[in-house]
N, C-alpha and C. Protein backbone atom coordinates (compact mmCIF):
# COMPACT_ATOMS: atom_id res chain seq x y z
N MET A 1 158.46 133.97 154.80
CA MET A 1 158.42 133.48 153.43
C MET A 1 158.52 131.95 153.37
N VAL A 2 159.40 131.40 154.20
CA VAL A 2 159.56 129.95 154.23
C VAL A 2 158.26 129.27 154.67
N LYS A 3 157.61 129.86 155.68
CA LYS A 3 156.35 129.30 156.18
C LYS A 3 155.26 129.35 155.10
N VAL A 4 155.23 130.44 154.37
CA VAL A 4 154.24 130.58 153.29
C VAL A 4 154.47 129.55 152.20
N LEU A 5 155.72 129.36 151.82
CA LEU A 5 156.05 128.36 150.80
C LEU A 5 155.70 126.95 151.26
N ALA A 6 155.98 126.65 152.53
CA ALA A 6 155.66 125.33 153.09
C ALA A 6 154.16 125.10 153.09
N TRP A 7 153.41 126.16 153.48
CA TRP A 7 151.95 126.05 153.49
C TRP A 7 151.40 125.85 152.09
N ALA A 8 151.95 126.59 151.12
CA ALA A 8 151.49 126.46 149.74
C ALA A 8 151.79 125.08 149.19
N SER A 9 152.97 124.55 149.52
CA SER A 9 153.35 123.20 149.07
C SER A 9 152.41 122.16 149.65
N LYS A 10 152.06 122.33 150.93
CA LYS A 10 151.15 121.38 151.57
C LYS A 10 149.77 121.43 150.93
N CYS A 11 149.29 122.63 150.62
CA CYS A 11 147.99 122.78 149.97
C CYS A 11 147.97 122.11 148.60
N LEU A 12 149.04 122.31 147.82
CA LEU A 12 149.13 121.68 146.51
C LEU A 12 149.13 120.16 146.62
N GLU A 13 149.85 119.66 147.64
CA GLU A 13 149.90 118.21 147.85
C GLU A 13 148.53 117.66 148.20
N GLU A 14 147.78 118.38 149.05
CA GLU A 14 146.44 117.93 149.44
C GLU A 14 145.50 117.90 148.23
N VAL A 15 145.61 118.92 147.37
CA VAL A 15 144.80 118.96 146.16
C VAL A 15 145.14 117.79 145.25
N ARG A 16 146.44 117.52 145.09
CA ARG A 16 146.87 116.42 144.24
C ARG A 16 146.39 115.08 144.76
N ILE A 17 146.44 114.89 146.10
CA ILE A 17 145.97 113.64 146.72
C ILE A 17 144.48 113.46 146.50
N GLN A 18 143.72 114.54 146.70
CA GLN A 18 142.27 114.46 146.51
C GLN A 18 141.93 114.14 145.06
N LYS A 19 142.68 114.75 144.14
CA LYS A 19 142.45 114.52 142.72
C LYS A 19 142.69 113.06 142.37
N ASN A 20 143.71 112.46 142.95
CA ASN A 20 144.01 111.05 142.68
C ASN A 20 143.18 110.10 143.52
N ASP A 21 142.46 110.64 144.49
CA ASP A 21 141.51 109.87 145.27
C ASP A 21 142.17 108.77 146.10
N TYR A 22 143.25 109.11 146.76
CA TYR A 22 143.81 108.23 147.77
C TYR A 22 144.17 109.08 148.99
N PHE A 23 144.33 108.41 150.15
CA PHE A 23 144.53 109.13 151.40
C PHE A 23 145.95 108.95 151.91
N VAL A 24 146.58 110.06 152.30
CA VAL A 24 147.90 110.02 152.92
C VAL A 24 147.83 110.82 154.22
N HIS A 25 148.13 110.18 155.34
CA HIS A 25 148.14 110.91 156.61
C HIS A 25 149.23 111.98 156.59
N GLU A 26 148.99 113.08 157.27
CA GLU A 26 149.92 114.21 157.23
C GLU A 26 151.31 113.89 157.77
N SER A 27 151.42 112.82 158.56
CA SER A 27 152.73 112.45 159.12
C SER A 27 153.51 111.52 158.20
N ALA A 28 152.89 111.03 157.12
CA ALA A 28 153.56 110.09 156.21
C ALA A 28 154.43 110.84 155.22
N TYR A 29 155.43 110.15 154.68
CA TYR A 29 156.35 110.73 153.69
C TYR A 29 156.20 109.96 152.37
N ILE A 30 155.94 110.68 151.31
CA ILE A 30 155.82 110.08 149.99
C ILE A 30 156.84 110.75 149.08
N ASP A 31 157.85 110.00 148.64
CA ASP A 31 158.85 110.54 147.72
C ASP A 31 158.32 110.48 146.29
N ARG A 32 158.87 111.32 145.43
CA ARG A 32 158.41 111.40 144.04
C ARG A 32 159.54 111.03 143.09
N PRO A 33 159.17 110.39 141.94
CA PRO A 33 157.83 110.00 141.52
C PRO A 33 157.41 108.68 142.15
N VAL A 34 156.11 108.48 142.32
CA VAL A 34 155.59 107.26 142.89
C VAL A 34 154.21 106.99 142.30
N ASN A 35 153.83 105.73 142.26
CA ASN A 35 152.53 105.34 141.71
C ASN A 35 151.65 104.81 142.83
N ILE A 36 150.54 105.48 143.13
CA ILE A 36 149.64 105.05 144.19
C ILE A 36 148.23 104.98 143.62
N GLY A 37 147.56 103.86 143.79
CA GLY A 37 146.26 103.63 143.19
C GLY A 37 145.10 104.26 143.94
N LYS A 38 143.99 104.35 143.27
CA LYS A 38 142.76 104.93 143.80
C LYS A 38 142.27 104.15 145.01
N GLY A 39 141.85 104.89 146.04
CA GLY A 39 141.26 104.27 147.22
C GLY A 39 142.26 103.75 148.24
N THR A 40 143.55 103.89 147.99
CA THR A 40 144.58 103.43 148.93
C THR A 40 144.68 104.39 150.11
N GLN A 41 144.97 103.82 151.30
CA GLN A 41 145.14 104.60 152.52
C GLN A 41 146.55 104.38 153.08
N ILE A 42 147.23 105.47 153.38
CA ILE A 42 148.59 105.41 153.92
C ILE A 42 148.60 106.14 155.25
N TRP A 43 148.91 105.42 156.33
CA TRP A 43 148.70 105.95 157.67
C TRP A 43 149.97 106.47 158.34
N HIS A 44 149.87 106.75 159.64
CA HIS A 44 150.86 107.51 160.41
C HIS A 44 152.30 107.02 160.22
N TYR A 45 153.20 107.98 159.96
CA TYR A 45 154.66 107.79 159.98
C TYR A 45 155.16 106.79 158.94
N SER A 46 154.35 106.47 157.96
CA SER A 46 154.81 105.56 156.92
C SER A 46 155.62 106.31 155.87
N HIS A 47 156.48 105.58 155.15
CA HIS A 47 157.38 106.20 154.17
C HIS A 47 157.38 105.34 152.90
N ILE A 48 156.99 105.95 151.80
CA ILE A 48 157.02 105.28 150.51
C ILE A 48 158.06 105.98 149.64
N MET A 49 159.06 105.24 149.21
CA MET A 49 160.16 105.83 148.44
C MET A 49 159.81 105.95 146.96
N ALA A 50 160.59 106.76 146.27
CA ALA A 50 160.38 107.00 144.85
C ALA A 50 160.43 105.71 144.04
N LYS A 51 159.62 105.66 143.00
CA LYS A 51 159.56 104.57 142.02
C LYS A 51 158.94 103.30 142.58
N ALA A 52 158.30 103.41 143.75
CA ALA A 52 157.50 102.29 144.24
C ALA A 52 156.14 102.31 143.55
N GLU A 53 155.51 101.14 143.48
CA GLU A 53 154.18 101.03 142.88
C GLU A 53 153.23 100.41 143.90
N VAL A 54 152.18 101.13 144.24
CA VAL A 54 151.17 100.66 145.19
C VAL A 54 149.82 100.67 144.47
N GLY A 55 149.13 99.55 144.47
CA GLY A 55 147.89 99.42 143.72
C GLY A 55 146.70 100.11 144.36
N GLN A 56 145.53 99.78 143.88
CA GLN A 56 144.29 100.37 144.35
C GLN A 56 143.79 99.69 145.63
N ARG A 57 143.11 100.48 146.45
CA ARG A 57 142.40 100.00 147.65
C ARG A 57 143.32 99.29 148.65
N CYS A 58 144.59 99.68 148.67
CA CYS A 58 145.52 99.11 149.65
C CYS A 58 145.41 99.84 150.98
N LYS A 59 145.75 99.14 152.06
CA LYS A 59 145.80 99.75 153.38
C LYS A 59 147.22 99.61 153.92
N ILE A 60 147.89 100.73 154.03
CA ILE A 60 149.27 100.77 154.52
C ILE A 60 149.22 101.31 155.94
N GLY A 61 149.52 100.45 156.92
CA GLY A 61 149.37 100.80 158.33
C GLY A 61 150.43 101.75 158.84
N GLN A 62 150.48 101.87 160.15
CA GLN A 62 151.41 102.79 160.80
C GLN A 62 152.85 102.29 160.73
N ASN A 63 153.79 103.23 160.46
CA ASN A 63 155.22 102.94 160.49
C ASN A 63 155.61 101.84 159.49
N VAL A 64 155.06 101.94 158.29
CA VAL A 64 155.39 101.01 157.22
C VAL A 64 156.40 101.68 156.28
N PHE A 65 157.41 100.92 155.88
CA PHE A 65 158.41 101.42 154.92
C PHE A 65 158.30 100.62 153.64
N ILE A 66 158.18 101.32 152.51
CA ILE A 66 158.11 100.68 151.20
C ILE A 66 159.24 101.26 150.35
N ALA A 67 160.17 100.41 149.95
CA ALA A 67 161.40 100.86 149.31
C ALA A 67 161.23 101.10 147.81
N THR A 68 162.23 101.72 147.24
CA THR A 68 162.30 101.97 145.80
C THR A 68 162.12 100.67 145.02
N GLY A 69 161.29 100.72 143.98
CA GLY A 69 161.14 99.58 143.09
C GLY A 69 160.21 98.50 143.57
N VAL A 70 159.67 98.60 144.78
CA VAL A 70 158.73 97.61 145.28
C VAL A 70 157.43 97.68 144.48
N LYS A 71 156.84 96.53 144.21
CA LYS A 71 155.57 96.47 143.48
C LYS A 71 154.51 95.81 144.36
N ILE A 72 153.43 96.53 144.58
CA ILE A 72 152.35 96.06 145.44
C ILE A 72 151.06 96.08 144.63
N GLY A 73 150.35 94.96 144.62
CA GLY A 73 149.12 94.84 143.84
C GLY A 73 147.94 95.56 144.47
N ASN A 74 146.75 95.21 144.01
CA ASN A 74 145.52 95.82 144.51
C ASN A 74 145.01 95.14 145.78
N ASN A 75 144.36 95.92 146.62
CA ASN A 75 143.70 95.41 147.83
C ASN A 75 144.67 94.67 148.75
N VAL A 76 145.88 95.18 148.87
CA VAL A 76 146.89 94.61 149.75
C VAL A 76 146.81 95.30 151.11
N ASN A 77 146.87 94.50 152.17
CA ASN A 77 146.77 95.02 153.53
C ASN A 77 148.11 94.80 154.23
N ILE A 78 148.82 95.90 154.52
CA ILE A 78 150.11 95.81 155.21
C ILE A 78 149.94 96.44 156.59
N GLN A 79 150.03 95.62 157.61
CA GLN A 79 149.81 96.07 158.98
C GLN A 79 151.03 96.84 159.52
N ASN A 80 150.93 97.31 160.76
CA ASN A 80 151.94 98.19 161.35
C ASN A 80 153.34 97.57 161.39
N ASN A 81 154.35 98.44 161.25
CA ASN A 81 155.76 98.09 161.48
C ASN A 81 156.31 97.05 160.52
N VAL A 82 155.88 97.12 159.26
CA VAL A 82 156.40 96.22 158.24
C VAL A 82 157.30 97.02 157.29
N SER A 83 158.50 96.50 157.01
CA SER A 83 159.39 97.10 156.02
C SER A 83 159.41 96.20 154.78
N VAL A 84 159.02 96.80 153.65
CA VAL A 84 158.99 96.05 152.39
C VAL A 84 160.16 96.55 151.55
N TYR A 85 161.24 95.77 151.51
CA TYR A 85 162.48 96.21 150.90
C TYR A 85 162.50 95.97 149.39
N GLU A 86 163.43 96.64 148.73
CA GLU A 86 163.57 96.51 147.28
C GLU A 86 163.75 95.05 146.89
N GLY A 87 163.05 94.66 145.84
CA GLY A 87 163.09 93.27 145.40
C GLY A 87 161.84 92.49 145.77
N VAL A 88 160.97 93.07 146.62
CA VAL A 88 159.75 92.39 147.05
C VAL A 88 158.61 92.75 146.11
N ILE A 89 157.84 91.74 145.72
CA ILE A 89 156.63 91.93 144.91
C ILE A 89 155.47 91.27 145.64
N LEU A 90 154.43 92.04 145.92
CA LEU A 90 153.24 91.53 146.59
C LEU A 90 152.08 91.53 145.60
N GLY A 91 151.47 90.37 145.37
CA GLY A 91 150.35 90.27 144.45
C GLY A 91 149.07 90.84 145.02
N ASN A 92 148.02 90.77 144.25
CA ASN A 92 146.71 91.26 144.70
C ASN A 92 146.23 90.50 145.94
N ASP A 93 145.55 91.22 146.83
CA ASP A 93 144.87 90.62 147.99
C ASP A 93 145.82 89.98 149.00
N VAL A 94 147.07 90.37 149.00
CA VAL A 94 148.03 89.84 149.99
C VAL A 94 147.82 90.54 151.33
N PHE A 95 147.97 89.78 152.41
CA PHE A 95 147.89 90.32 153.78
C PHE A 95 149.24 90.13 154.46
N CYS A 96 149.77 91.21 155.03
CA CYS A 96 151.02 91.15 155.81
C CYS A 96 150.72 91.57 157.24
N GLY A 97 150.88 90.64 158.18
CA GLY A 97 150.60 90.92 159.58
C GLY A 97 151.62 91.86 160.21
N PRO A 98 151.32 92.37 161.39
CA PRO A 98 152.20 93.33 162.06
C PRO A 98 153.62 92.79 162.24
N SER A 99 154.59 93.62 161.94
CA SER A 99 156.01 93.34 162.16
C SER A 99 156.53 92.15 161.35
N ALA A 100 155.83 91.77 160.29
CA ALA A 100 156.38 90.77 159.38
C ALA A 100 157.67 91.32 158.76
N VAL A 101 158.62 90.42 158.46
CA VAL A 101 159.95 90.85 158.00
C VAL A 101 160.25 90.26 156.64
N PHE A 102 160.61 91.13 155.69
CA PHE A 102 161.12 90.69 154.40
C PHE A 102 162.62 90.98 154.34
N THR A 103 163.39 90.06 153.79
CA THR A 103 164.83 90.28 153.63
C THR A 103 165.15 90.35 152.14
N ASN A 104 166.32 90.89 151.80
CA ASN A 104 166.69 90.92 150.38
C ASN A 104 168.16 90.64 150.12
N ILE A 105 168.92 90.31 151.16
CA ILE A 105 170.32 89.95 151.00
C ILE A 105 170.60 88.67 151.79
N SER A 106 171.24 87.69 151.15
CA SER A 106 171.48 86.40 151.81
C SER A 106 172.60 86.46 152.83
N THR A 107 173.67 87.21 152.51
CA THR A 107 174.85 87.23 153.37
C THR A 107 175.27 88.67 153.66
N PRO A 108 174.53 89.38 154.48
CA PRO A 108 174.86 90.79 154.75
C PRO A 108 176.14 90.94 155.56
N ARG A 109 176.93 91.95 155.22
CA ARG A 109 178.14 92.30 155.96
C ARG A 109 178.24 93.82 156.03
N SER A 110 178.42 94.35 157.22
CA SER A 110 178.57 95.79 157.35
C SER A 110 179.86 96.28 156.71
N ALA A 111 180.94 95.50 156.81
CA ALA A 111 182.23 95.90 156.26
C ALA A 111 182.30 95.74 154.75
N PHE A 112 181.40 94.96 154.16
CA PHE A 112 181.38 94.74 152.72
C PHE A 112 179.96 95.00 152.21
N PRO A 113 179.62 96.26 152.02
CA PRO A 113 178.24 96.64 151.69
C PRO A 113 177.71 95.95 150.44
N ARG A 114 176.49 95.49 150.53
CA ARG A 114 175.78 94.93 149.38
C ARG A 114 174.45 95.67 149.31
N ASN A 115 174.48 96.86 148.76
CA ASN A 115 173.32 97.73 148.84
C ASN A 115 172.91 98.33 147.50
N THR A 116 173.13 97.57 146.43
CA THR A 116 172.66 98.00 145.12
C THR A 116 171.58 97.03 144.64
N SER A 117 170.81 97.47 143.65
CA SER A 117 169.73 96.63 143.14
C SER A 117 170.23 95.28 142.66
N GLY A 118 171.45 95.25 142.13
CA GLY A 118 172.01 93.99 141.66
C GLY A 118 172.33 93.01 142.77
N ASP A 119 172.43 93.50 144.00
CA ASP A 119 172.74 92.63 145.14
C ASP A 119 171.50 91.96 145.72
N TYR A 120 170.34 92.53 145.42
CA TYR A 120 169.12 92.09 146.10
C TYR A 120 168.49 90.88 145.41
N LYS A 121 168.00 89.95 146.22
CA LYS A 121 167.25 88.82 145.71
C LYS A 121 165.75 89.09 145.88
N LYS A 122 164.97 88.60 144.95
CA LYS A 122 163.54 88.90 144.95
C LYS A 122 162.78 88.01 145.92
N ILE A 123 161.67 88.54 146.42
CA ILE A 123 160.65 87.77 147.11
C ILE A 123 159.35 88.01 146.38
N LEU A 124 158.68 86.95 145.97
CA LEU A 124 157.40 87.06 145.30
C LEU A 124 156.32 86.43 146.17
N VAL A 125 155.33 87.24 146.55
CA VAL A 125 154.18 86.74 147.31
C VAL A 125 152.99 86.80 146.37
N ARG A 126 152.47 85.64 146.02
CA ARG A 126 151.43 85.58 145.00
C ARG A 126 150.04 85.93 145.58
N GLU A 127 149.13 86.07 144.69
CA GLU A 127 147.76 86.53 144.98
C GLU A 127 147.11 85.80 146.17
N GLY A 128 146.54 86.58 147.08
CA GLY A 128 145.72 86.03 148.15
C GLY A 128 146.46 85.41 149.30
N ALA A 129 147.79 85.41 149.29
CA ALA A 129 148.56 84.81 150.40
C ALA A 129 148.49 85.70 151.64
N SER A 130 148.58 85.07 152.81
CA SER A 130 148.58 85.80 154.09
C SER A 130 149.83 85.45 154.88
N ILE A 131 150.46 86.48 155.43
CA ILE A 131 151.67 86.31 156.22
C ILE A 131 151.40 86.77 157.64
N GLY A 132 151.58 85.88 158.62
CA GLY A 132 151.25 86.18 160.01
C GLY A 132 152.23 87.14 160.66
N ALA A 133 151.81 87.66 161.81
CA ALA A 133 152.63 88.62 162.56
C ALA A 133 153.99 88.04 162.92
N ASN A 134 155.02 88.88 162.77
CA ASN A 134 156.40 88.52 163.14
C ASN A 134 157.01 87.40 162.32
N ALA A 135 156.38 87.01 161.23
CA ALA A 135 156.99 86.02 160.34
C ALA A 135 158.18 86.65 159.61
N THR A 136 159.18 85.81 159.28
CA THR A 136 160.35 86.27 158.55
C THR A 136 160.45 85.50 157.23
N ILE A 137 160.54 86.25 156.12
CA ILE A 137 160.62 85.63 154.81
C ILE A 137 162.03 85.84 154.26
N LEU A 138 162.79 84.76 154.09
CA LEU A 138 164.14 84.89 153.54
C LEU A 138 164.07 85.24 152.06
N CYS A 139 165.10 85.94 151.59
CA CYS A 139 165.10 86.39 150.20
C CYS A 139 165.23 85.22 149.24
N GLY A 140 164.72 85.44 148.02
CA GLY A 140 164.73 84.40 147.01
C GLY A 140 163.54 83.46 147.08
N ILE A 141 162.59 83.75 147.97
CA ILE A 141 161.45 82.87 148.22
C ILE A 141 160.26 83.26 147.36
N VAL A 142 159.48 82.25 146.94
CA VAL A 142 158.18 82.46 146.30
C VAL A 142 157.11 81.86 147.21
N ILE A 143 156.14 82.67 147.59
CA ILE A 143 155.01 82.19 148.39
C ILE A 143 153.81 82.07 147.46
N GLY A 144 153.24 80.88 147.39
CA GLY A 144 152.19 80.58 146.43
C GLY A 144 150.86 81.24 146.72
N LYS A 145 149.97 81.14 145.76
CA LYS A 145 148.65 81.74 145.87
C LYS A 145 147.89 81.18 147.07
N HIS A 146 147.27 82.07 147.83
CA HIS A 146 146.38 81.73 148.94
C HIS A 146 147.06 80.91 150.04
N ALA A 147 148.39 80.90 150.05
CA ALA A 147 149.11 80.23 151.14
C ALA A 147 148.91 81.00 152.44
N LEU A 148 149.11 80.32 153.56
CA LEU A 148 148.95 80.92 154.88
C LEU A 148 150.21 80.67 155.69
N ILE A 149 150.92 81.75 156.05
CA ILE A 149 152.16 81.66 156.82
C ILE A 149 151.84 81.99 158.27
N GLY A 150 152.09 81.05 159.17
CA GLY A 150 151.75 81.23 160.58
C GLY A 150 152.59 82.32 161.25
N ALA A 151 152.04 82.88 162.32
CA ALA A 151 152.75 83.92 163.08
C ALA A 151 154.08 83.40 163.60
N GLY A 152 155.12 84.22 163.48
CA GLY A 152 156.43 83.85 163.99
C GLY A 152 157.21 82.86 163.16
N THR A 153 156.69 82.49 162.01
CA THR A 153 157.35 81.50 161.16
C THR A 153 158.58 82.07 160.46
N THR A 154 159.62 81.24 160.29
CA THR A 154 160.76 81.59 159.46
C THR A 154 160.66 80.78 158.17
N VAL A 155 160.37 81.47 157.07
CA VAL A 155 160.17 80.79 155.79
C VAL A 155 161.50 80.70 155.06
N THR A 156 161.99 79.48 154.85
CA THR A 156 163.33 79.26 154.29
C THR A 156 163.31 78.67 152.89
N LYS A 157 162.11 78.32 152.38
CA LYS A 157 162.02 77.76 151.04
C LYS A 157 160.65 78.08 150.46
N ASP A 158 160.50 77.89 149.16
CA ASP A 158 159.26 78.23 148.48
C ASP A 158 158.06 77.53 149.12
N VAL A 159 156.93 78.23 149.09
CA VAL A 159 155.70 77.71 149.69
C VAL A 159 154.69 77.45 148.57
N PRO A 160 154.12 76.24 148.48
CA PRO A 160 153.16 75.94 147.42
C PRO A 160 151.85 76.71 147.58
N ASP A 161 151.08 76.77 146.51
CA ASP A 161 149.75 77.34 146.58
C ASP A 161 148.93 76.62 147.65
N HIS A 162 148.17 77.39 148.42
CA HIS A 162 147.20 76.87 149.40
C HIS A 162 147.83 76.19 150.62
N ALA A 163 149.15 76.20 150.73
CA ALA A 163 149.79 75.52 151.86
C ALA A 163 149.68 76.33 153.14
N VAL A 164 149.50 75.63 154.27
CA VAL A 164 149.61 76.23 155.60
C VAL A 164 150.98 75.86 156.14
N VAL A 165 151.84 76.85 156.40
CA VAL A 165 153.17 76.55 156.92
C VAL A 165 153.41 77.33 158.20
N TYR A 166 154.10 76.68 159.13
CA TYR A 166 154.56 77.38 160.33
C TYR A 166 155.69 76.58 160.96
N GLY A 167 156.41 77.23 161.87
CA GLY A 167 157.55 76.61 162.53
C GLY A 167 158.85 77.29 162.13
N ASN A 168 159.93 76.87 162.79
CA ASN A 168 161.26 77.42 162.54
C ASN A 168 162.28 76.29 162.37
N PRO A 169 162.64 75.92 161.15
CA PRO A 169 162.15 76.50 159.91
C PRO A 169 160.73 76.03 159.56
N SER A 170 160.14 76.65 158.57
CA SER A 170 158.75 76.38 158.22
C SER A 170 158.56 74.97 157.65
N GLU A 171 157.41 74.40 157.95
CA GLU A 171 157.01 73.11 157.39
C GLU A 171 155.53 73.17 157.01
N ILE A 172 155.15 72.38 156.00
CA ILE A 172 153.74 72.30 155.63
C ILE A 172 152.98 71.55 156.71
N ARG A 173 151.94 72.17 157.22
CA ARG A 173 151.13 71.56 158.29
C ARG A 173 149.73 71.24 157.84
N GLY A 174 149.35 71.69 156.66
CA GLY A 174 148.00 71.47 156.15
C GLY A 174 147.77 72.32 154.92
N TRP A 175 146.49 72.50 154.57
CA TRP A 175 146.14 73.23 153.36
C TRP A 175 144.98 74.16 153.67
N VAL A 176 144.93 75.25 152.94
CA VAL A 176 143.92 76.26 153.22
C VAL A 176 143.27 76.70 151.91
N CYS A 177 141.97 76.93 151.97
CA CYS A 177 141.23 77.37 150.80
C CYS A 177 141.45 78.87 150.58
N ARG A 178 141.09 79.35 149.40
CA ARG A 178 141.20 80.77 149.10
C ARG A 178 140.31 81.60 150.03
N CYS A 179 139.25 80.99 150.57
CA CYS A 179 138.35 81.72 151.47
C CYS A 179 138.90 81.78 152.89
N GLY A 180 139.97 81.02 153.18
CA GLY A 180 140.58 81.04 154.50
C GLY A 180 140.22 79.86 155.37
N ASP A 181 139.38 78.96 154.88
CA ASP A 181 139.00 77.78 155.66
C ASP A 181 140.14 76.76 155.60
N ILE A 182 140.55 76.24 156.75
CA ILE A 182 141.66 75.29 156.81
C ILE A 182 141.21 73.90 156.39
N ILE A 183 142.00 73.26 155.53
CA ILE A 183 141.75 71.88 155.13
C ILE A 183 142.99 71.08 155.48
N VAL A 184 142.88 70.14 156.39
CA VAL A 184 144.02 69.33 156.80
C VAL A 184 144.28 68.26 155.76
N LYS A 185 145.53 68.14 155.35
CA LYS A 185 145.91 67.18 154.32
C LYS A 185 145.98 65.77 154.89
N GLU A 186 145.26 64.82 154.26
CA GLU A 186 145.30 63.42 154.68
C GLU A 186 146.08 62.56 153.69
N SER A 187 146.01 62.90 152.40
CA SER A 187 146.74 62.15 151.39
C SER A 187 146.91 63.04 150.16
N ASN A 188 147.73 62.58 149.23
CA ASN A 188 147.97 63.37 148.02
C ASN A 188 146.82 63.22 147.04
N VAL A 189 145.77 63.97 147.30
CA VAL A 189 144.55 63.89 146.50
C VAL A 189 144.03 65.29 146.25
N VAL A 190 142.93 65.36 145.48
CA VAL A 190 142.23 66.62 145.32
C VAL A 190 141.44 66.89 146.59
N LEU A 191 141.67 68.05 147.19
CA LEU A 191 140.94 68.43 148.39
C LEU A 191 139.87 69.45 148.03
N LYS A 192 138.73 69.38 148.70
CA LYS A 192 137.62 70.28 148.43
C LYS A 192 137.21 71.00 149.70
N CYS A 193 137.04 72.31 149.59
CA CYS A 193 136.63 73.12 150.74
C CYS A 193 135.13 72.94 150.97
N ASP A 194 134.75 72.53 152.17
CA ASP A 194 133.34 72.35 152.49
C ASP A 194 132.59 73.68 152.57
N LYS A 195 133.35 74.76 152.78
CA LYS A 195 132.73 76.06 152.98
C LYS A 195 132.33 76.73 151.67
N CYS A 196 133.26 76.75 150.68
CA CYS A 196 132.97 77.47 149.42
C CYS A 196 133.05 76.59 148.18
N GLY A 197 133.49 75.32 148.35
CA GLY A 197 133.51 74.40 147.23
C GLY A 197 134.76 74.42 146.38
N THR A 198 135.75 75.25 146.71
CA THR A 198 136.99 75.31 145.94
C THR A 198 137.74 73.99 146.03
N GLU A 199 138.26 73.51 144.89
CA GLU A 199 139.05 72.28 144.86
C GLU A 199 140.52 72.62 144.61
N MET A 200 141.42 71.82 145.20
CA MET A 200 142.86 72.04 145.00
C MET A 200 143.59 70.70 144.96
N MET A 201 144.62 70.61 144.13
CA MET A 201 145.43 69.41 144.01
C MET A 201 146.70 69.57 144.84
N THR A 202 147.04 68.56 145.63
CA THR A 202 148.19 68.67 146.52
C THR A 202 149.33 67.71 146.20
N ASP A 203 149.15 66.78 145.27
CA ASP A 203 150.19 65.76 145.07
C ASP A 203 151.48 66.35 144.50
N THR A 204 151.39 67.24 143.52
CA THR A 204 152.60 67.77 142.89
C THR A 204 153.26 68.86 143.73
N VAL A 205 152.46 69.75 144.32
CA VAL A 205 153.05 70.85 145.05
C VAL A 205 153.79 70.36 146.30
N ASN A 206 153.33 69.27 146.89
CA ASN A 206 154.01 68.75 148.08
C ASN A 206 155.40 68.22 147.71
N LYS A 207 155.53 67.58 146.56
CA LYS A 207 156.83 67.07 146.11
C LYS A 207 157.80 68.22 145.86
N GLU A 208 157.28 69.34 145.34
CA GLU A 208 158.15 70.48 145.08
C GLU A 208 158.68 71.11 146.36
N TYR A 209 157.94 70.98 147.44
CA TYR A 209 158.30 71.66 148.68
C TYR A 209 159.36 70.88 149.46
N VAL A 210 159.25 69.55 149.50
CA VAL A 210 160.15 68.74 150.34
C VAL A 210 161.48 68.51 149.66
């Protein structure tokens, strides 16, 4: 009887997934209620907790954890072994490289638990930003639109739109277009991408960062 009930439950889940037009690998765990958009793919051993929001056409790689209350926009690519903890918001078209780390507590202590929603600080990653493999984002940080975070970087302060940052701690090393073409900053002027023609102003955002 237990086997029959388990089989029936699995069949109902498969029908529901097909109806909503998104893919969940059989090894993944999806808690209810949850919001998952059309065309999203959730792969091996990943876990999405209740009340998370995942947009359309997202790719959730292997062994990804998405916590309660997390908000993920459309066309977001989260590579293997990434944990997205409560308090994190990922905008549309964000890329998270393998094993990127998000934090949500500034001063964790095992003996003095800080594990409620009120304890968590937010991380906002704006539209089109890319986070390299093994980068660590401290809580309370805002990463600007189309910014590029280098692999292994520790991000300790807000990142301006279009900035290229890397190092430990992170520093601005240049500027990047929305298309991904790198533009090295020479002075506080309007920079123009030779590849797609996008223009960006760097004088004000640089002052906010330093």
